[in-house]
Amino acid sequence: MPNGERIHIVRSADAGEQDKLAALVPLDVSGFGRLEAVLRLLASLHGRAIPADTRMTRQQRLRAKRMLRAIDGRRAGASQKAIASAIFRLDAMPRDEWQTTPARFATRSLIRDGLAMVAGGYRKLLRHQQRR
């Protein structure tokens, strides 16, 4: 293992037996998350119910989806107001009301954080939060 950051899947073939897979899991502090990933893989390989992925809460998944939608809108040339209307299903509003609505600030935050995610921050989604 080059730096101990990966789970390695190894295929072994004993004479006369079907190929068998084994997982080599580094046992550092990130090992708990890796073991959960191996459990999900094992369930999938054997057609069982796949345990829930606990790396993100439902609210975090919703926010990540909104960030990506906001970035897609921005890249398509949409205004912040149009992006907010699509994400938060806002009715048309006058400019003055738009300037003070919480949706405006939430949209700015989604765009800012979405840009950070697209620039490499998405890797944080793959890690479990470290509990101390």
Protein backbone atom coordinates (compact mmCIF):
# COMPACT_ATOMS: atom_id res chain seq x y z
CA MET A 1 0.00 0.00 0.00
CA PRO A 2 1.63 3.23 -1.10
CA ASN A 3 0.35 5.49 1.65
CA GLY A 4 -2.30 3.51 3.51
CA GLU A 5 -5.18 5.64 2.20
CA ARG A 6 -6.93 2.95 0.19
CA ILE A 7 -8.75 -0.30 0.60
CA HIS A 8 -7.15 -2.89 -1.64
CA ILE A 9 -9.23 -5.67 -3.12
CA VAL A 10 -7.20 -8.79 -3.83
CA ARG A 11 -8.33 -11.75 -5.95
CA SER A 12 -7.02 -15.15 -4.99
CA ALA A 13 -7.58 -18.33 -6.98
CA ASP A 14 -6.96 -21.58 -5.21
CA ALA A 15 -6.59 -24.66 -7.41
CA GLY A 16 -10.02 -26.09 -8.13
CA GLU A 17 -11.89 -23.30 -6.36
CA GLN A 18 -13.73 -20.26 -7.55
CA ASP A 19 -11.94 -16.91 -7.37
CA LYS A 20 -12.19 -15.35 -3.93
CA LEU A 21 -11.91 -11.67 -3.08
CA ALA A 22 -10.23 -10.28 0.01
CA ALA A 23 -10.08 -6.71 1.29
CA LEU A 24 -6.93 -5.28 2.86
CA VAL A 25 -7.99 -2.45 5.16
CA PRO A 26 -5.50 -0.08 6.81
CA LEU A 27 -6.32 0.05 10.52
CA ASP A 28 -5.71 3.72 11.18
CA VAL A 29 -8.32 6.13 12.55
CA SER A 30 -10.06 6.16 9.13
CA GLY A 31 -10.39 2.38 9.28
CA PHE A 32 -13.90 2.58 10.74
CA GLY A 33 -15.20 4.27 7.61
CA ARG A 34 -13.29 1.85 5.41
CA LEU A 35 -14.80 -1.12 7.22
CA GLU A 36 -18.29 0.31 6.65
CA ALA A 37 -17.46 0.63 2.95
CA VAL A 38 -16.31 -3.00 2.85
CA LEU A 39 -19.57 -4.05 4.56
CA ARG A 40 -21.61 -2.19 1.90
CA LEU A 41 -19.52 -3.81 -0.86
CA LEU A 42 -19.97 -7.27 0.66
CA ALA A 43 -23.75 -6.80 0.92
CA SER A 44 -23.88 -5.64 -2.69
CA LEU A 45 -21.80 -8.57 -3.95
CA HIS A 46 -24.13 -11.07 -2.27
CA GLY A 47 -27.43 -9.40 -3.17
CA ARG A 48 -28.28 -8.35 0.36
CA ALA A 49 -29.72 -5.08 1.59
CA ILE A 50 -27.00 -2.46 1.48
CA PRO A 51 -26.52 -0.69 4.83
CA ALA A 52 -27.02 3.06 4.82
CA ASP A 53 -24.00 5.23 4.12
CA THR A 54 -23.45 7.20 7.32
CA ARG A 55 -20.89 9.68 5.99
CA MET A 56 -23.55 12.31 5.33
CA THR A 57 -26.84 13.12 7.00
CA ARG A 58 -30.01 13.62 4.99
CA GLN A 59 -29.64 17.39 5.39
CA GLN A 60 -26.03 17.29 4.19
CA ARG A 61 -27.04 15.29 1.11
CA LEU A 62 -29.81 17.79 0.35
CA ARG A 63 -27.38 20.71 0.67
CA ALA A 64 -24.83 18.98 -1.57
CA LYS A 65 -27.51 18.49 -4.24
CA ARG A 66 -28.47 22.14 -3.97
CA MET A 67 -24.83 23.20 -4.27
CA LEU A 68 -24.44 21.23 -7.49
CA ARG A 69 -27.69 22.64 -8.90
CA ALA A 70 -26.49 26.15 -8.02
CA ILE A 71 -23.17 25.56 -9.78
CA ASP A 72 -24.94 24.13 -12.84
CA GLY A 73 -27.15 27.23 -12.96
CA ARG A 74 -24.20 29.56 -12.59
CA ARG A 75 -22.26 27.80 -15.35
CA ALA A 76 -25.34 28.05 -17.58
CA GLY A 77 -25.34 31.82 -17.04
CA ALA A 78 -28.35 32.05 -14.73
CA SER A 79 -28.60 34.95 -12.27
CA GLN A 80 -28.52 34.31 -8.53
CA LYS A 81 -32.18 35.23 -8.41
CA ALA A 82 -33.04 32.67 -11.11
CA ILE A 83 -30.97 30.02 -9.32
CA ALA A 84 -32.72 30.78 -6.02
CA SER A 85 -36.12 30.62 -7.71
CA ALA A 86 -35.33 27.18 -9.13
CA ILE A 87 -33.82 25.75 -5.95
CA PHE A 88 -36.18 27.25 -3.38
CA ARG A 89 -39.27 27.53 -5.63
CA LEU A 90 -39.68 31.23 -5.03
CA ASP A 91 -42.40 33.36 -6.54
CA ALA A 92 -41.45 36.47 -8.49
CA MET A 93 -40.46 39.30 -6.15
CA PRO A 94 -39.43 42.90 -6.52
CA ARG A 95 -35.74 43.83 -6.47
CA ASP A 96 -35.91 45.40 -3.00
CA GLU A 97 -37.45 42.28 -1.51
CA TRP A 98 -34.83 40.10 -3.25
CA GLN A 99 -32.03 42.14 -1.68
CA THR A 100 -33.14 41.20 1.85
CA THR A 101 -34.57 37.70 1.43
CA PRO A 102 -32.75 34.87 3.23
CA ALA A 103 -32.87 32.87 -0.02
CA ARG A 104 -30.46 35.36 -1.60
CA PHE A 105 -27.85 34.75 1.10
CA ALA A 106 -28.46 31.00 1.05
CA THR A 107 -27.96 30.97 -2.72
CA ARG A 108 -24.69 32.88 -2.43
CA SER A 109 -23.53 30.37 0.18
CA LEU A 110 -24.54 27.42 -2.02
CA ILE A 111 -22.62 28.85 -4.98
CA ARG A 112 -19.53 29.61 -2.86
CA ASP A 113 -19.49 26.18 -1.22
CA GLY A 114 -20.36 24.44 -4.49
CA LEU A 115 -17.38 26.06 -6.20
CA ALA A 116 -15.16 24.82 -3.37
CA MET A 117 -16.61 21.32 -3.74
CA VAL A 118 -16.02 21.29 -7.50
CA ALA A 119 -12.46 22.52 -6.93
CA GLY A 120 -11.61 19.40 -4.94
CA GLY A 121 -13.59 19.75 -1.72
CA TYR A 122 -15.79 16.81 -2.76
CA ARG A 123 -13.07 14.54 -1.36
CA LYS A 124 -14.24 15.46 2.13
CA LEU A 125 -17.54 13.71 1.33
CA LEU A 126 -15.69 10.41 1.11
CA ARG A 127 -14.31 10.60 4.65
CA HIS A 128 -16.07 9.99 7.91
CA GLN A 129 -16.02 12.80 10.40
CA GLN A 130 -13.34 12.10 12.99
CA ARG A 131 -14.78 11.66 16.46
CA ARG A 132 -12.48 12.44 19.33
